[in-house]
C-alpha atoms as a PDB file:
ATOM      1  CA  MET A   1     105.781 -52.642  24.010  1.00  0.00           C
ATOM      2  CA  THR A   2     107.708 -50.792  21.316  1.00  0.00           C
ATOM      3  CA  ALA A   3     108.911 -47.228  21.799  1.00  0.00           C
ATOM      4  CA  ILE A   4     108.031 -46.040  18.278  1.00  0.00           C
ATOM      5  CA  GLU A   5     105.862 -47.656  15.635  1.00  0.00           C
ATOM      6  CA  THR A   6     104.629 -46.203  12.358  1.00  0.00           C
ATOM      7  CA  ARG A   7     102.400 -47.548   9.635  1.00  0.00           C
ATOM      8  CA  ASP A   8     102.416 -45.981   6.151  1.00  0.00           C
ATOM      9  CA  LEU A   9     103.699 -42.682   7.605  1.00  0.00           C
ATOM     10  CA  THR A  10     103.660 -40.193   4.728  1.00  0.00           C
ATOM     11  CA  ARG A  11     104.113 -36.480   4.202  1.00  0.00           C
ATOM     12  CA  TYR A  12     103.481 -34.519   1.025  1.00  0.00           C
ATOM     13  CA  TYR A  13     104.486 -30.940   0.288  1.00  0.00           C
ATOM     14  CA  GLY A  14     102.375 -30.180  -2.732  1.00  0.00           C
ATOM     15  CA  ASP A  15     103.316 -32.786  -5.334  1.00  0.00           C
ATOM     16  CA  LEU A  16     106.541 -33.694  -3.505  1.00  0.00           C
ATOM     17  CA  CYS A  17     106.432 -36.828  -1.356  1.00  0.00           C
ATOM     18  CA  ALA A  18     109.007 -36.023   1.331  1.00  0.00           C
ATOM     19  CA  VAL A  19     108.292 -39.145   3.417  1.00  0.00           C
ATOM     20  CA  ASP A  20     106.919 -42.140   1.565  1.00  0.00           C
ATOM     21  CA  HIS A  21     104.809 -44.672   3.530  1.00  0.00           C
ATOM     22  CA  LEU A  22     107.339 -45.490   6.253  1.00  0.00           C
ATOM     23  CA  ASP A  23     106.841 -48.570   8.430  1.00  0.00           C
ATOM     24  CA  LEU A  24     109.165 -48.211  11.434  1.00  0.00           C
ATOM     25  CA  THR A  25     109.510 -50.182  14.662  1.00  0.00           C
ATOM     26  CA  VAL A  26     111.899 -48.942  17.351  1.00  0.00           C
ATOM     27  CA  GLU A  27     112.303 -51.028  20.487  1.00  0.00           C
ATOM     28  CA  ARG A  28     112.478 -49.579  23.992  1.00  0.00           C
ATOM     29  CA  GLY A  29     116.030 -48.725  25.008  1.00  0.00           C
ATOM     30  CA  GLU A  30     117.288 -48.995  21.438  1.00  0.00           C
ATOM     31  CA  LEU A  31     119.628 -46.558  19.720  1.00  0.00           C
ATOM     32  CA  TYR A  32     118.105 -46.375  16.261  1.00  0.00           C
ATOM     33  CA  ALA A  33     119.997 -44.519  13.542  1.00  0.00           C
ATOM     34  CA  PHE A  34     117.978 -43.018  10.685  1.00  0.00           C
ATOM     35  CA  LEU A  35     120.673 -42.740   8.024  1.00  0.00           C
ATOM     36  CA  GLY A  36     120.369 -40.883   4.744  1.00  0.00           C
ATOM     37  CA  PRO A  37     121.570 -37.872   2.741  1.00  0.00           C
ATOM     38  CA  ASN A  38     120.157 -34.390   3.200  1.00  0.00           C
ATOM     39  CA  GLY A  39     116.751 -34.223   1.567  1.00  0.00           C
ATOM     40  CA  ALA A  40     115.966 -37.865   2.408  1.00  0.00           C
ATOM     41  CA  GLY A  41     113.087 -36.927   4.722  1.00  0.00           C
ATOM     42  CA  LYS A  42     114.821 -37.446   8.075  1.00  0.00           C
ATOM     43  CA  THR A  43     113.890 -34.126   9.699  1.00  0.00           C
ATOM     44  CA  THR A  44     110.366 -34.287   8.288  1.00  0.00           C
ATOM     45  CA  THR A  45     109.978 -37.712   9.903  1.00  0.00           C
ATOM     46  CA  ILE A  46     111.049 -36.347  13.293  1.00  0.00           C
ATOM     47  CA  ARG A  47     108.716 -33.388  12.943  1.00  0.00           C
ATOM     48  CA  MET A  48     105.799 -35.752  12.322  1.00  0.00           C
ATOM     49  CA  LEU A  49     106.730 -38.115  15.161  1.00  0.00           C
ATOM     50  CA  THR A  50     106.999 -35.245  17.652  1.00  0.00           C
ATOM     51  CA  GLY A  51     103.706 -33.637  16.632  1.00  0.00           C
ATOM     52  CA  LEU A  52     105.172 -30.514  15.032  1.00  0.00           C
ATOM     53  CA  ILE A  53     103.509 -31.302  11.704  1.00  0.00           C
ATOM     54  CA  ARG A  54     100.718 -33.681  10.781  1.00  0.00           C
ATOM     55  CA  PRO A  55     101.236 -36.689   8.531  1.00  0.00           C
ATOM     56  CA  SER A  56      99.462 -36.563   5.183  1.00  0.00           C
ATOM     57  CA  GLU A  57      98.737 -40.270   5.587  1.00  0.00           C
ATOM     58  CA  GLY A  58      99.479 -43.064   8.013  1.00  0.00           C
ATOM     59  CA  GLN A  59      99.672 -43.551  11.771  1.00  0.00           C
ATOM     60  CA  ALA A  60     102.266 -43.386  14.539  1.00  0.00           C
ATOM     61  CA  TRP A  61     102.422 -44.618  18.111  1.00  0.00           C
ATOM     62  CA  LEU A  62     105.001 -43.435  20.646  1.00  0.00           C
ATOM     63  CA  ASP A  63     105.430 -44.998  24.068  1.00  0.00           C
ATOM     64  CA  GLY A  64     102.107 -46.739  23.534  1.00  0.00           C
ATOM     65  CA  LEU A  65     100.157 -43.588  22.657  1.00  0.00           C
ATOM     66  CA  ASP A  66      98.464 -42.901  19.336  1.00  0.00           C
ATOM     67  CA  LEU A  67      99.929 -39.637  18.074  1.00  0.00           C
ATOM     68  CA  ALA A  68      96.693 -38.638  16.338  1.00  0.00           C
ATOM     69  CA  VAL A  69      94.585 -39.288  19.462  1.00  0.00           C
ATOM     70  CA  ASP A  70      96.866 -37.924  22.205  1.00  0.00           C
ATOM     71  CA  PRO A  71      99.471 -35.548  20.745  1.00  0.00           C
ATOM     72  CA  LEU A  72      99.981 -33.741  24.070  1.00  0.00           C
ATOM     73  CA  GLY A  73     100.608 -37.032  25.829  1.00  0.00           C
ATOM     74  CA  VAL A  74     103.191 -37.916  23.212  1.00  0.00           C
ATOM     75  CA  LYS A  75     104.943 -34.550  23.539  1.00  0.00           C
ATOM     76  CA  ALA A  76     105.237 -35.088  27.292  1.00  0.00           C
ATOM     77  CA  ARG A  77     107.044 -38.385  26.702  1.00  0.00           C
ATOM     78  CA  VAL A  78     109.587 -37.246  24.122  1.00  0.00           C
ATOM     79  CA  GLY A  79     112.578 -34.929  24.049  1.00  0.00           C
ATOM     80  CA  VAL A  80     113.777 -33.274  20.859  1.00  0.00           C
ATOM     81  CA  VAL A  81     117.231 -31.947  19.977  1.00  0.00           C
ATOM     82  CA  PRO A  82     116.847 -30.056  16.678  1.00  0.00           C
ATOM     83  CA  GLN A  83     119.672 -29.318  14.258  1.00  0.00           C
ATOM     84  CA  ARG A  84     119.624 -25.705  15.428  1.00  0.00           C
ATOM     85  CA  SER A  85     119.407 -25.206  19.161  1.00  0.00           C
ATOM     86  CA  ASN A  86     116.154 -23.847  20.579  1.00  0.00           C
ATOM     87  CA  LEU A  87     117.824 -22.362  23.667  1.00  0.00           C
ATOM     88  CA  TYR A  88     118.204 -18.651  24.432  1.00  0.00           C
ATOM     89  CA  GLY A  89     121.571 -17.007  23.854  1.00  0.00           C
ATOM     90  CA  GLU A  90     121.173 -14.355  26.528  1.00  0.00           C
ATOM     91  CA  LEU A  91     120.222 -16.814  29.287  1.00  0.00           C
ATOM     92  CA  SER A  92     122.830 -18.694  31.278  1.00  0.00           C
ATOM     93  CA  ALA A  93     123.175 -22.477  30.979  1.00  0.00           C
ATOM     94  CA  ARG A  94     121.352 -22.919  34.295  1.00  0.00           C
ATOM     95  CA  ASP A  95     118.576 -20.445  33.468  1.00  0.00           C
ATOM     96  CA  ASN A  96     117.934 -22.154  30.138  1.00  0.00           C
ATOM     97  CA  LEU A  97     117.432 -25.478  31.922  1.00  0.00           C
ATOM     98  CA  LEU A  98     115.280 -23.890  34.621  1.00  0.00           C
ATOM     99  CA  PHE A  99     113.104 -22.329  31.923  1.00  0.00           C
ATOM    100  CA  MET A 100     112.715 -25.687  30.150  1.00  0.00           C
ATOM    101  CA  ALA A 101     111.882 -27.384  33.447  1.00  0.00           C
ATOM    102  CA  LYS A 102     109.148 -24.838  34.050  1.00  0.00           C
ATOM    103  CA  LEU A 103     107.906 -25.174  30.483  1.00  0.00           C
ATOM    104  CA  TYR A 104     107.585 -28.959  30.886  1.00  0.00           C
ATOM    105  CA  GLY A 105     105.704 -28.549  34.155  1.00  0.00           C
ATOM    106  CA  LEU A 106     108.242 -29.851  36.644  1.00  0.00           C
ATOM    107  CA  PRO A 107     107.225 -28.903  40.196  1.00  0.00           C
ATOM    108  CA  ARG A 108     109.058 -25.837  41.488  1.00  0.00           C
ATOM    109  CA  ARG A 109     110.743 -27.830  44.276  1.00  0.00           C
ATOM    110  CA  GLU A 110     112.337 -30.189  41.707  1.00  0.00           C
ATOM    111  CA  ARG A 111     113.576 -27.705  39.120  1.00  0.00           C
ATOM    112  CA  ARG A 112     116.842 -26.546  40.703  1.00  0.00           C
ATOM    113  CA  GLY A 113     117.926 -30.042  41.690  1.00  0.00           C
ATOM    114  CA  ARG A 114     117.140 -31.477  38.266  1.00  0.00           C
ATOM    115  CA  THR A 115     118.941 -28.594  36.558  1.00  0.00           C
ATOM    116  CA  ASP A 116     122.113 -28.903  38.634  1.00  0.00           C
ATOM    117  CA  LYS A 117     122.147 -32.686  38.182  1.00  0.00           C
ATOM    118  CA  LEU A 118     121.995 -32.337  34.398  1.00  0.00           C
ATOM    119  CA  LEU A 119     124.690 -29.653  34.358  1.00  0.00           C
ATOM    120  CA  ASP A 120     127.012 -31.987  36.276  1.00  0.00           C
ATOM    121  CA  GLU A 121     126.152 -35.049  34.146  1.00  0.00           C
ATOM    122  CA  PHE A 122     126.911 -33.151  30.944  1.00  0.00           C
ATOM    123  CA  GLY A 123     130.146 -31.634  32.231  1.00  0.00           C
ATOM    124  CA  LEU A 124     128.761 -28.106  32.377  1.00  0.00           C
ATOM    125  CA  GLY A 125     128.710 -27.482  36.116  1.00  0.00           C
ATOM    126  CA  ASP A 126     131.517 -24.926  35.904  1.00  0.00           C
ATOM    127  CA  ARG A 127     129.669 -23.122  33.081  1.00  0.00           C
ATOM    128  CA  ALA A 128     126.301 -22.906  34.828  1.00  0.00           C
ATOM    129  CA  ASP A 129     126.339 -19.091  34.879  1.00  0.00           C
ATOM    130  CA  THR A 130     127.790 -18.660  31.380  1.00  0.00           C
ATOM    131  CA  PRO A 131     125.395 -17.256  28.755  1.00  0.00           C
ATOM    132  CA  PHE A 132     124.453 -19.860  26.164  1.00  0.00           C
ATOM    133  CA  ALA A 133     125.792 -17.630  23.372  1.00  0.00           C
ATOM    134  CA  ALA A 134     129.261 -17.687  24.953  1.00  0.00           C
ATOM    135  CA  LEU A 135     129.560 -21.485  25.081  1.00  0.00           C
ATOM    136  CA  SER A 136     131.581 -23.482  22.554  1.00  0.00           C
ATOM    137  CA  GLY A 137     129.805 -25.443  19.845  1.00  0.00           C
ATOM    138  CA  GLY A 138     130.212 -28.739  21.675  1.00  0.00           C
ATOM    139  CA  MET A 139     128.964 -27.251  24.950  1.00  0.00           C
ATOM    140  CA  LYS A 140     125.940 -25.789  23.211  1.00  0.00           C
ATOM    141  CA  ARG A 141     125.006 -29.196  21.806  1.00  0.00           C
ATOM    142  CA  ARG A 142     125.456 -30.859  25.205  1.00  0.00           C
ATOM    143  CA  LEU A 143     123.296 -28.229  26.895  1.00  0.00           C
ATOM    144  CA  THR A 144     120.637 -28.598  24.205  1.00  0.00           C
ATOM    145  CA  ILE A 145     120.529 -32.352  24.850  1.00  0.00           C
ATOM    146  CA  ALA A 146     120.349 -31.721  28.595  1.00  0.00           C
ATOM    147  CA  ALA A 147     117.404 -29.387  28.025  1.00  0.00           C
ATOM    148  CA  ALA A 148     115.609 -32.096  26.029  1.00  0.00           C
ATOM    149  CA  LEU A 149     116.068 -34.492  28.968  1.00  0.00           C
ATOM    150  CA  VAL A 150     114.933 -32.166  31.731  1.00  0.00           C
ATOM    151  CA  HIS A 151     111.480 -33.816  31.989  1.00  0.00           C
ATOM    152  CA  ARG A 152     112.908 -37.369  31.850  1.00  0.00           C
ATOM    153  CA  PRO A 153     111.439 -38.359  28.474  1.00  0.00           C
ATOM    154  CA  ALA A 154     111.187 -42.004  27.466  1.00  0.00           C
ATOM    155  CA  ILE A 155     112.268 -41.217  23.891  1.00  0.00           C
ATOM    156  CA  LEU A 156     114.930 -38.761  22.716  1.00  0.00           C
ATOM    157  CA  PHE A 157     115.094 -37.513  19.121  1.00  0.00           C
ATOM    158  CA  LEU A 158     118.492 -36.245  17.980  1.00  0.00           C
ATOM    159  CA  ASP A 159     118.499 -34.537  14.590  1.00  0.00           C
ATOM    160  CA  GLU A 160     122.031 -34.477  13.102  1.00  0.00           C
ATOM    161  CA  PRO A 161     123.561 -33.773  16.546  1.00  0.00           C
ATOM    162  CA  THR A 162     127.226 -33.558  15.488  1.00  0.00           C
ATOM    163  CA  THR A 163     126.762 -31.435  12.363  1.00  0.00           C
ATOM    164  CA  GLY A 164     129.050 -28.397  12.452  1.00  0.00           C
ATOM    165  CA  LEU A 165     131.159 -29.642  15.366  1.00  0.00           C
ATOM    166  CA  ASP A 166     134.900 -30.188  15.241  1.00  0.00           C
ATOM    167  CA  VAL A 167     136.371 -33.688  15.609  1.00  0.00           C
ATOM    168  CA  GLN A 168     136.977 -33.447  19.357  1.00  0.00           C
ATOM    169  CA  ALA A 169     133.523 -32.060  20.127  1.00  0.00           C
ATOM    170  CA  SER A 170     131.886 -34.684  17.902  1.00  0.00           C
ATOM    171  CA  ARG A 171     133.746 -37.482  19.665  1.00  0.00           C
ATOM    172  CA  GLY A 172     132.718 -36.166  23.070  1.00  0.00           C
ATOM    173  CA  LEU A 173     129.092 -35.863  22.015  1.00  0.00           C
ATOM    174  CA  ARG A 174     129.053 -39.437  20.716  1.00  0.00           C
ATOM    175  CA  HIS A 175     130.161 -40.579  24.180  1.00  0.00           C
ATOM    176  CA  VAL A 176     127.238 -38.648  25.661  1.00  0.00           C
ATOM    177  CA  ILE A 177     124.805 -40.308  23.230  1.00  0.00           C
ATOM    178  CA  ALA A 178     126.190 -43.779  23.970  1.00  0.00           C
ATOM    179  CA  ASP A 179     125.804 -43.109  27.704  1.00  0.00           C
ATOM    180  CA  LEU A 180     122.143 -42.178  27.220  1.00  0.00           C
ATOM    181  CA  ARG A 181     121.509 -45.455  25.457  1.00  0.00           C
ATOM    182  CA  SER A 182     123.214 -47.359  28.303  1.00  0.00           C
ATOM    183  CA  GLN A 183     120.847 -45.616  30.733  1.00  0.00           C
ATOM    184  CA  GLY A 184     117.849 -47.094  28.932  1.00  0.00           C
ATOM    185  CA  VAL A 185     116.749 -44.006  27.001  1.00  0.00           C
ATOM    186  CA  THR A 186     115.347 -44.818  23.562  1.00  0.00           C
ATOM    187  CA  VAL A 187     117.380 -42.707  21.126  1.00  0.00           C
ATOM    188  CA  PHE A 188     116.199 -41.956  17.577  1.00  0.00           C
ATOM    189  CA  LEU A 189     119.224 -40.457  15.834  1.00  0.00           C
ATOM    190  CA  THR A 190     119.157 -38.935  12.357  1.00  0.00           C
ATOM    191  CA  THR A 191     122.484 -38.585  10.588  1.00  0.00           C
ATOM    192  CA  HIS A 192     124.083 -38.436   7.153  1.00  0.00           C
ATOM    193  CA  LEU A 193     127.390 -39.653   8.634  1.00  0.00           C
ATOM    194  CA  ILE A 194     127.748 -43.355   7.905  1.00  0.00           C
ATOM    195  CA  HIS A 195     130.557 -43.936  10.407  1.00  0.00           C
ATOM    196  CA  GLU A 196     128.478 -42.265  13.136  1.00  0.00           C
ATOM    197  CA  ALA A 197     125.617 -44.701  12.559  1.00  0.00           C
ATOM    198  CA  GLU A 198     128.052 -47.630  12.508  1.00  0.00           C
ATOM    199  CA  LEU A 199     129.688 -46.565  15.783  1.00  0.00           C
ATOM    200  CA  LEU A 200     126.534 -45.834  17.772  1.00  0.00           C
ATOM    201  CA  ALA A 201     123.497 -47.697  16.527  1.00  0.00           C
ATOM    202  CA  ASP A 202     121.897 -50.953  17.598  1.00  0.00           C
ATOM    203  CA  ARG A 203     120.041 -50.852  14.288  1.00  0.00           C
ATOM    204  CA  VAL A 204     120.331 -48.651  11.214  1.00  0.00           C
ATOM    205  CA  ALA A 205     117.460 -47.627   8.957  1.00  0.00           C
ATOM    206  CA  ILE A 206     118.647 -46.405   5.563  1.00  0.00           C
ATOM    207  CA  VAL A 207     116.331 -43.876   3.940  1.00  0.00           C
ATOM    208  CA  VAL A 208     116.670 -42.290   0.499  1.00  0.00           C
ATOM    209  CA  ARG A 209     114.172 -39.857  -1.038  1.00  0.00           C
ATOM    210  CA  GLY A 210     111.665 -40.547   1.710  1.00  0.00           C
ATOM    211  CA  GLN A 211     111.687 -44.322   1.205  1.00  0.00           C
ATOM    212  CA  LEU A 212     113.014 -46.947   3.583  1.00  0.00           C
ATOM    213  CA  VAL A 213     115.705 -48.954   1.787  1.00  0.00           C
ATOM    214  CA  ALA A 214     116.834 -51.318   4.569  1.00  0.00           C
ATOM    215  CA  VAL A 215     116.704 -51.789   8.354  1.00  0.00           C
ATOM    216  CA  ASP A 216     119.110 -54.028  10.257  1.00  0.00           C
ATOM    217  CA  THR A 217     122.053 -54.101  12.632  1.00  0.00           C
ATOM    218  CA  PRO A 218     125.324 -52.667  11.296  1.00  0.00           C
ATOM    219  CA  ALA A 219     126.814 -56.165  11.314  1.00  0.00           C
ATOM    220  CA  ALA A 220     123.924 -57.627   9.330  1.00  0.00           C
ATOM    221  CA  LEU A 221     124.078 -54.803   6.785  1.00  0.00           C
ATOM    222  CA  ARG A 222     127.807 -55.360   6.372  1.00  0.00           C
ATOM    223  CA  GLN A 223     127.144 -59.060   5.889  1.00  0.00           C
ATOM    224  CA  ARG A 224     125.138 -58.251   2.778  1.00  0.00           C
ATOM    225  CA  CYS A 225     128.416 -57.236   1.120  1.00  0.00           C
ATOM    226  CA  GLN A 226     130.384 -60.338   2.124  1.00  0.00           C
ATOM    227  CA  SER A 227     129.665 -62.008  -1.203  1.00  0.00           C
ATOM    228  CA  GLU A 228     131.465 -59.158  -2.999  1.00  0.00           C
ATOM    229  CA  THR A 229     135.208 -58.784  -3.492  1.00  0.00           C
ATOM    230  CA  LEU A 230     136.351 -55.343  -2.377  1.00  0.00           C
ATOM    231  CA  LEU A 231     139.606 -53.655  -3.254  1.00  0.00           C
ATOM    232  CA  GLU A 232     140.931 -50.318  -2.023  1.00  0.00           C
ATOM    233  CA  LEU A 233     143.360 -48.423  -4.259  1.00  0.00           C
ATOM    234  CA  ASP A 234     145.422 -45.425  -3.160  1.00  0.00           C
ATOM    235  CA  VAL A 235     145.512 -43.149  -6.192  1.00  0.00           C
ATOM    236  CA  PRO A 236     146.873 -39.577  -5.888  1.00  0.00           C
ATOM    237  CA  THR A 237     145.069 -38.377  -9.034  1.00  0.00           C
ATOM    238  CA  ALA A 238     141.671 -40.084  -8.721  1.00  0.00           C
ATOM    239  CA  ASP A 239     138.844 -38.350 -10.586  1.00  0.00           C
ATOM    240  CA  GLN A 240     135.487 -39.103 -12.182  1.00  0.00           C
ATOM    241  CA  ALA A 241     137.089 -39.840 -15.545  1.00  0.00           C
ATOM    242  CA  LEU A 242     139.197 -42.568 -13.963  1.00  0.00           C
ATOM    243  CA  LEU A 243     136.132 -44.037 -12.223  1.00  0.00           C
ATOM    244  CA  ALA A 244     134.273 -44.153 -15.524  1.00  0.00           C
ATOM    245  CA  ALA A 245     137.212 -45.881 -17.224  1.00  0.00           C
ATOM    246  CA  LEU A 246     137.477 -48.471 -14.437  1.00  0.00           C
ATOM    247  CA  GLN A 247     133.799 -49.310 -14.721  1.00  0.00           C
ATOM    248  CA  GLU A 248     134.142 -50.067 -18.395  1.00  0.00           C
ATOM    249  CA  SER A 249     136.073 -53.192 -17.406  1.00  0.00           C
ATOM    250  CA  ALA A 250     134.023 -56.387 -17.579  1.00  0.00           C
ATOM    251  CA  VAL A 251     135.340 -57.620 -14.187  1.00  0.00           C
ATOM    252  CA  ILE A 252     134.661 -54.423 -12.190  1.00  0.00           C
ATOM    253  CA  GLN A 253     131.056 -54.005 -11.050  1.00  0.00           C
ATOM    254  CA  ARG A 254     131.401 -50.739  -9.169  1.00  0.00           C
ATOM    255  CA  ALA A 255     133.955 -48.038  -8.434  1.00  0.00           C
ATOM    256  CA  THR A 256     133.551 -45.272  -5.847  1.00  0.00           C
ATOM    257  CA  ARG A 257     135.939 -42.563  -4.721  1.00  0.00           C
ATOM    258  CA  SER A 258     136.682 -40.968  -1.362  1.00  0.00           C
ATOM    259  CA  GLY A 259     139.469 -38.401  -1.589  1.00  0.00           C
ATOM    260  CA  GLU A 260     142.521 -40.193  -3.004  1.00  0.00           C
ATOM    261  CA  GLN A 261     141.074 -43.633  -2.365  1.00  0.00           C
ATOM    262  CA  ILE A 262     139.084 -45.723  -4.836  1.00  0.00           C
ATOM    263  CA  THR A 263     137.007 -48.730  -3.728  1.00  0.00           C
ATOM    264  CA  LEU A 264     136.327 -51.412  -6.337  1.00  0.00           C
ATOM    265  CA  VAL A 265     133.855 -54.269  -6.376  1.00  0.00           C
ATOM    266  CA  ALA A 266     135.305 -56.941  -8.665  1.00  0.00           C
ATOM    267  CA  ASP A 267     134.948 -60.591  -9.650  1.00  0.00           C
ATOM    268  CA  SER A 268     138.110 -61.436  -7.716  1.00  0.00           C
ATOM    269  CA  VAL A 269     141.105 -59.728  -6.139  1.00  0.00           C
ATOM    270  CA  GLU A 270     143.416 -60.862  -8.930  1.00  0.00           C
ATOM    271  CA  SER A 271     141.174 -59.942 -11.858  1.00  0.00           C
ATOM    272  CA  GLY A 272     140.116 -56.648 -10.290  1.00  0.00           C
ATOM    273  CA  LEU A 273     143.669 -55.566  -9.554  1.00  0.00           C
ATOM    274  CA  LYS A 274     144.879 -56.538 -13.030  1.00  0.00           C
ATOM    275  CA  ALA A 275     142.017 -54.647 -14.684  1.00  0.00           C
ATOM    276  CA  ALA A 276     142.673 -51.576 -12.532  1.00  0.00           C
ATOM    277  CA  LEU A 277     146.395 -51.611 -13.324  1.00  0.00           C
ATOM    278  CA  ASP A 278     145.689 -51.893 -17.054  1.00  0.00           C
ATOM    279  CA  VAL A 279     143.296 -48.921 -16.947  1.00  0.00           C
ATOM    280  CA  MET A 280     145.652 -46.790 -14.868  1.00  0.00           C
ATOM    281  CA  GLU A 281     148.680 -47.604 -17.008  1.00  0.00           C
ATOM    282  CA  ALA A 282     146.759 -46.615 -20.133  1.00  0.00           C
ATOM    283  CA  ARG A 283     145.846 -43.290 -18.510  1.00  0.00           C
ATOM    284  CA  GLY A 284     149.279 -42.622 -17.019  1.00  0.00           C
ATOM    285  CA  VAL A 285     147.987 -42.794 -13.443  1.00  0.00           C
ATOM    286  CA  ALA A 286     150.248 -44.083 -10.675  1.00  0.00           C
ATOM    287  CA  LEU A 287     149.063 -46.614  -8.093  1.00  0.00           C
ATOM    288  CA  ARG A 288     150.397 -45.883  -4.623  1.00  0.00           C
ATOM    289  CA  GLY A 289     148.963 -48.924  -2.878  1.00  0.00           C
ATOM    290  CA  ALA A 290     146.295 -51.645  -3.031  1.00  0.00           C
ATOM    291  CA  ARG A 291     144.621 -53.982  -0.535  1.00  0.00           C
ATOM    292  CA  SER A 292     141.602 -56.220  -0.181  1.00  0.00           C
ATOM    293  CA  VAL A 293     139.210 -55.094   2.559  1.00  0.00           C
ATOM    294  CA  THR A 294     136.429 -56.321   4.812  1.00  0.00           C
ATOM    295  CA  PRO A 295     133.118 -54.636   3.945  1.00  0.00           C
ATOM    296  CA  THR A 296     132.050 -51.678   6.072  1.00  0.00           C
ATOM    297  CA  LEU A 297     128.658 -50.091   6.607  1.00  0.00           C
ATOM    298  CA  GLU A 298     129.688 -47.573   3.959  1.00  0.00           C
ATOM    299  CA  ASP A 299     130.129 -50.420   1.466  1.00  0.00           C
ATOM    300  CA  ALA A 300     126.695 -51.768   2.363  1.00  0.00           C
ATOM    301  CA  PHE A 301     125.191 -48.290   1.994  1.00  0.00           C
ATOM    302  CA  VAL A 302     126.690 -47.894  -1.477  1.00  0.00           C
ATOM    303  CA  GLN A 303     125.450 -51.322  -2.539  1.00  0.00           C
ATOM    304  CA  LEU A 304     121.940 -50.718  -1.236  1.00  0.00           C
ATOM    305  CA  THR A 305     121.452 -47.149  -2.437  1.00  0.00           C
ATOM    306  CA  ASN A 306     123.852 -46.652  -5.363  1.00  0.00           C
ATOM    307  CA  LEU A 307     124.846 -43.342  -3.740  1.00  0.00           C
ATOM    308  CA  ASP A 308     128.503 -42.370  -3.629  1.00  0.00           C
ATOM    309  CA  PRO A 309     129.913 -41.908  -0.071  1.00  0.00           C
ATOM    310  CA  GLU A 310     131.212 -38.506  -1.183  1.00  0.00           C
ATOM    311  CA  THR A 311     127.596 -37.543  -1.812  1.00  0.00           C
ATOM    312  CA  MET A 312     126.764 -38.273   1.818  1.00  0.00           C
ATOM    313  CA  ARG A 313     129.741 -36.366   3.179  1.00  0.00           C
ATOM    314  CA  ASN A 314     128.856 -33.344   1.074  1.00  0.00           C
ATOM    315  CA  GLY A 315     125.239 -33.488   2.258  1.00  0.00           C
ATOM    316  CA  MET A 316     123.817 -33.819  -1.267  1.00  0.00           C
ATOM    317  CA  SER A 317     121.009 -36.165  -2.247  1.00  0.00           C
ATOM    318  CA  ASN A 318     120.717 -35.707  -5.967  1.00  0.00           C
ATOM    319  CA  ASN A 319     123.985 -37.233  -7.190  1.00  0.00           C
ATOM    320  CA  GLN A 320     124.159 -40.894  -8.009  1.00  0.00           C
ATOM    321  CA  GLY A 321     127.154 -43.035  -7.262  1.00  0.00           C
ATOM    322  CA  GLY A 322     129.344 -44.861  -9.704  1.00  0.00           C
ATOM    323  CA  GLY A 323     127.555 -48.228  -9.681  1.00  0.00           C
ATOM    324  CA  LYS A 324     126.466 -49.997 -12.777  1.00  0.00           C
ATOM    325  CA  ALA A 325     122.737 -50.251 -13.362  1.00  0.00           C
END
């Protein structure tokens, strides 16, 4: 039995189609990354799957239950970690978990034990009496995940869990998420961070403007780029004008920029490098380094969506990448 299945799942807001006839299948125990820029429909999808809003069209089944027929049954089987925590700032870490345990109907005799176990598992035992508002950003996210697990749900939804965290806190939280998957929890993770999906997911679903573009393992998505020749150029003065000039070359199919690094898709390493050097020499731009590279999930994402990686990092969904039509 699958953990999550949808058929033609759709949501309109007036004339805007936020989620466009999604067909999803998530296996039990799978860590499934729903990858796309802000505005792609990721949060709307979670809100439909958890019964917070109704689909305009389509059906969904979670843990074997029809969402339209038994929404309360579905809610009892899922945990949700929203982008903004739903815990109470004035309550301590322990009291927040005790409140959630009561809310989910855990018997009184089980609440304290379950709460203390979660605090220890999430490394918050020494902060049990600390008000939620006084915790660090990483601790707040860990406690919010713990609260979503208090009733032992079969499926956990994580909506952009590392957004706003520093590098160390993000790394620690990814370890927590990987541990949940190893424990057999089905994890549905939304993210706009390509490297996060590549690190964590068993399978990645790429969604853009509410439409499903591709679903596969990270390795299989990377394989789709193997037929392309990729070059990385270190250029201290890379800008959009340089990208446009590079793409005018007949041997360069696509050029994208990330900081001071330009990635080219070319007919061959030799022809691509020669074309790039000619363009840069004509524009007075220095080349600091060049190398051929193995495709990454980011390369596959660019190829499949024509969105620039910088667009994803900036959380914008309305800018197109530098690919040729």
